[in-house]
Amino acid sequence: ILLCYYAAAASALQYAHPRPSPRTRRRSSEQTDPVLEVERLENAIAASTEPNEQKELAEKLGMSRMSAEMSVLSANAAFYDAFQSCDVAKMKAVWSDSDDVTCVHPGHPLISGADLVLNSWRALFSSAGGMPKLEAQRQRVVLRGSA
């Protein structure tokens, strides 16, 4: 039952360094990652000495936090969808393609690197004969820095 937690967390964190999917490629260069924007605004508030500027930044921070939380929950939902449907392409979309990606399936050793992680999901999906029905409940997003 705990199989998803590590990957769900990884997919949530993935947003800070998204893989170039058709959806992210269409983002304008002016759009910023909402998780990184939260950190930027928190730092700007801390550095500001002007009350009016702090108030304006705090309002922007509230909106950015909501956007970041929705991004994390969306990544989590995408992971569960990929897991439930045993869809390797969907699973690939929720994982970063960098070499610093790691994964630990219950009862197995650490797997490092995007290719090996994706191959582990491929093997799991092909041997599982379907995955157990899992549902994320009482989800809570806690933003810390850029993760």
Protein backbone atom coordinates (compact mmCIF):
# COMPACT_ATOMS: atom_id res chain seq x y z
CA ILE A 1 0.00 0.00 0.00
CA LEU A 2 2.88 2.40 0.65
CA LEU A 3 4.26 1.79 -2.83
CA CYS A 4 3.14 5.16 -4.13
CA TYR A 5 4.40 7.52 -1.49
CA TYR A 6 8.01 7.75 -2.61
CA ALA A 7 7.08 8.12 -6.25
CA ALA A 8 4.25 10.52 -5.52
CA ALA A 9 6.70 12.69 -3.63
CA ALA A 10 9.18 12.39 -6.47
CA SER A 11 6.56 13.36 -9.02
CA ALA A 12 5.53 16.32 -6.90
CA LEU A 13 9.11 17.47 -6.63
CA GLN A 14 9.58 16.87 -10.32
CA TYR A 15 7.76 20.12 -11.07
CA ALA A 16 10.74 22.13 -9.90
CA HIS A 17 12.74 20.60 -12.76
CA PRO A 18 10.10 19.56 -15.28
CA ARG A 19 10.90 17.32 -18.19
CA PRO A 20 10.26 19.05 -21.50
CA SER A 21 6.83 17.70 -22.34
CA PRO A 22 4.57 19.22 -24.99
CA ARG A 23 2.65 20.95 -22.19
CA THR A 24 5.73 22.54 -20.61
CA ARG A 25 7.24 23.43 -23.98
CA ARG A 26 4.22 25.59 -24.68
CA ARG A 27 4.73 27.61 -21.52
CA SER A 28 5.83 31.13 -22.25
CA SER A 29 9.30 32.10 -21.15
CA GLU A 30 7.69 34.66 -18.85
CA GLN A 31 5.91 31.99 -16.81
CA THR A 32 7.79 30.76 -13.79
CA ASP A 33 7.60 27.54 -11.85
CA PRO A 34 5.07 28.21 -9.06
CA VAL A 35 7.17 26.38 -6.44
CA LEU A 36 10.22 28.49 -7.27
CA GLU A 37 8.06 31.63 -7.35
CA VAL A 38 6.96 30.97 -3.75
CA GLU A 39 10.58 30.83 -2.64
CA ARG A 40 11.44 33.98 -4.62
CA LEU A 41 8.54 35.93 -3.08
CA GLU A 42 9.35 34.74 0.45
CA ASN A 43 12.92 35.98 -0.02
CA ALA A 44 11.70 39.29 -1.47
CA ILE A 45 9.40 39.87 1.53
CA ALA A 46 12.24 39.11 3.93
CA ALA A 47 14.52 41.56 2.11
CA SER A 48 11.95 44.35 1.80
CA THR A 49 11.83 47.22 4.28
CA GLU A 50 8.81 48.95 2.72
CA PRO A 51 5.45 48.01 4.30
CA ASN A 52 3.48 48.66 1.10
CA GLU A 53 5.86 46.52 -0.94
CA GLN A 54 5.70 43.78 1.70
CA LYS A 55 1.90 43.85 1.56
CA GLU A 56 1.89 43.61 -2.25
CA LEU A 57 4.44 40.79 -2.19
CA ALA A 58 2.42 38.96 0.50
CA GLU A 59 -0.68 39.06 -1.70
CA LYS A 60 1.31 37.66 -4.63
CA LEU A 61 2.79 35.04 -2.33
CA GLY A 62 -0.68 33.81 -1.35
CA MET A 63 -1.66 33.36 -4.99
CA SER A 64 1.67 31.69 -5.81
CA ARG A 65 1.28 29.25 -2.92
CA MET A 66 -2.14 28.21 -4.19
CA SER A 67 -0.72 27.73 -7.69
CA ALA A 68 2.25 25.73 -6.35
CA GLU A 69 -0.01 23.52 -4.24
CA MET A 70 -2.23 22.82 -7.25
CA SER A 71 0.86 21.93 -9.30
CA VAL A 72 2.01 19.45 -6.67
CA LEU A 73 -1.46 17.90 -6.37
CA SER A 74 -1.71 17.69 -10.15
CA ALA A 75 1.65 15.88 -10.35
CA ASN A 76 0.49 13.52 -7.61
CA ALA A 77 -2.74 12.78 -9.50
CA ALA A 78 -0.76 12.15 -12.69
CA PHE A 79 1.43 9.65 -10.84
CA TYR A 80 -1.56 7.74 -9.46
CA ASP A 81 -3.14 7.69 -12.91
CA ALA A 82 0.06 6.29 -14.45
CA PHE A 83 0.38 3.75 -11.64
CA GLN A 84 -3.22 2.59 -11.81
CA SER A 85 -3.25 2.28 -15.60
CA CYS A 86 0.22 0.62 -15.74
CA ASP A 87 1.08 3.13 -18.45
CA VAL A 88 4.83 3.51 -18.94
CA ALA A 89 4.44 6.63 -21.12
CA LYS A 90 2.38 8.34 -18.41
CA MET A 91 4.86 7.27 -15.75
CA LYS A 92 7.71 8.67 -17.84
CA ALA A 93 5.87 12.00 -18.02
CA VAL A 94 5.80 12.38 -14.22
CA TRP A 95 9.50 11.62 -13.67
CA SER A 96 12.44 13.85 -14.44
CA ASP A 97 14.79 12.54 -17.11
CA SER A 98 17.91 13.56 -15.18
CA ASP A 99 20.57 11.21 -13.86
CA ASP A 100 19.94 12.30 -10.26
CA VAL A 101 16.49 10.68 -10.14
CA THR A 102 16.21 7.89 -7.59
CA CYS A 103 13.49 5.38 -6.78
CA VAL A 104 13.03 2.71 -4.13
CA HIS A 105 10.33 0.13 -4.71
CA PRO A 106 9.31 -1.62 -1.47
CA GLY A 107 11.62 -4.55 -0.78
CA HIS A 108 14.12 -3.52 -3.46
CA PRO A 109 17.39 -1.57 -3.47
CA LEU A 110 17.78 2.03 -4.56
CA ILE A 111 17.58 2.64 -8.31
CA SER A 112 19.41 5.68 -9.71
CA GLY A 113 19.08 7.39 -13.07
CA ALA A 114 16.04 8.12 -15.21
CA ASP A 115 16.50 5.21 -17.61
CA LEU A 116 16.86 2.63 -14.83
CA VAL A 117 13.92 4.09 -12.91
CA LEU A 118 11.70 3.99 -16.00
CA ASN A 119 12.82 0.43 -16.76
CA SER A 120 11.90 -0.57 -13.20
CA TRP A 121 8.36 0.72 -13.75
CA ARG A 122 8.23 -1.03 -17.12
CA ALA A 123 9.23 -4.33 -15.44
CA LEU A 124 6.82 -3.81 -12.56
CA PHE A 125 3.91 -3.04 -14.86
CA SER A 126 4.60 -5.99 -17.17
CA SER A 127 4.87 -8.50 -14.32
CA ALA A 128 2.15 -7.20 -12.06
CA GLY A 129 -0.93 -8.14 -14.06
CA GLY A 130 -2.47 -4.85 -12.97
CA MET A 131 -1.85 -2.70 -9.96
CA PRO A 132 -3.91 -2.54 -6.78
CA LYS A 133 -6.46 0.25 -6.64
CA LEU A 134 -4.90 3.11 -4.71
CA GLU A 135 -6.45 6.41 -3.85
CA ALA A 136 -4.69 9.41 -2.35
CA GLN A 137 -6.69 10.68 0.57
CA ARG A 138 -6.19 13.65 2.88
CA GLN A 139 -3.43 15.06 0.70
CA ARG A 140 -1.47 17.92 2.18
CA VAL A 141 1.17 19.98 0.42
CA VAL A 142 4.03 21.46 2.41
CA LEU A 143 6.33 23.72 0.42
CA ARG A 144 9.93 24.00 1.59
CA GLY A 145 12.38 25.93 -0.56
CA SER A 146 12.36 24.72 -4.15
CA ALA A 147 11.07 21.25 -3.29
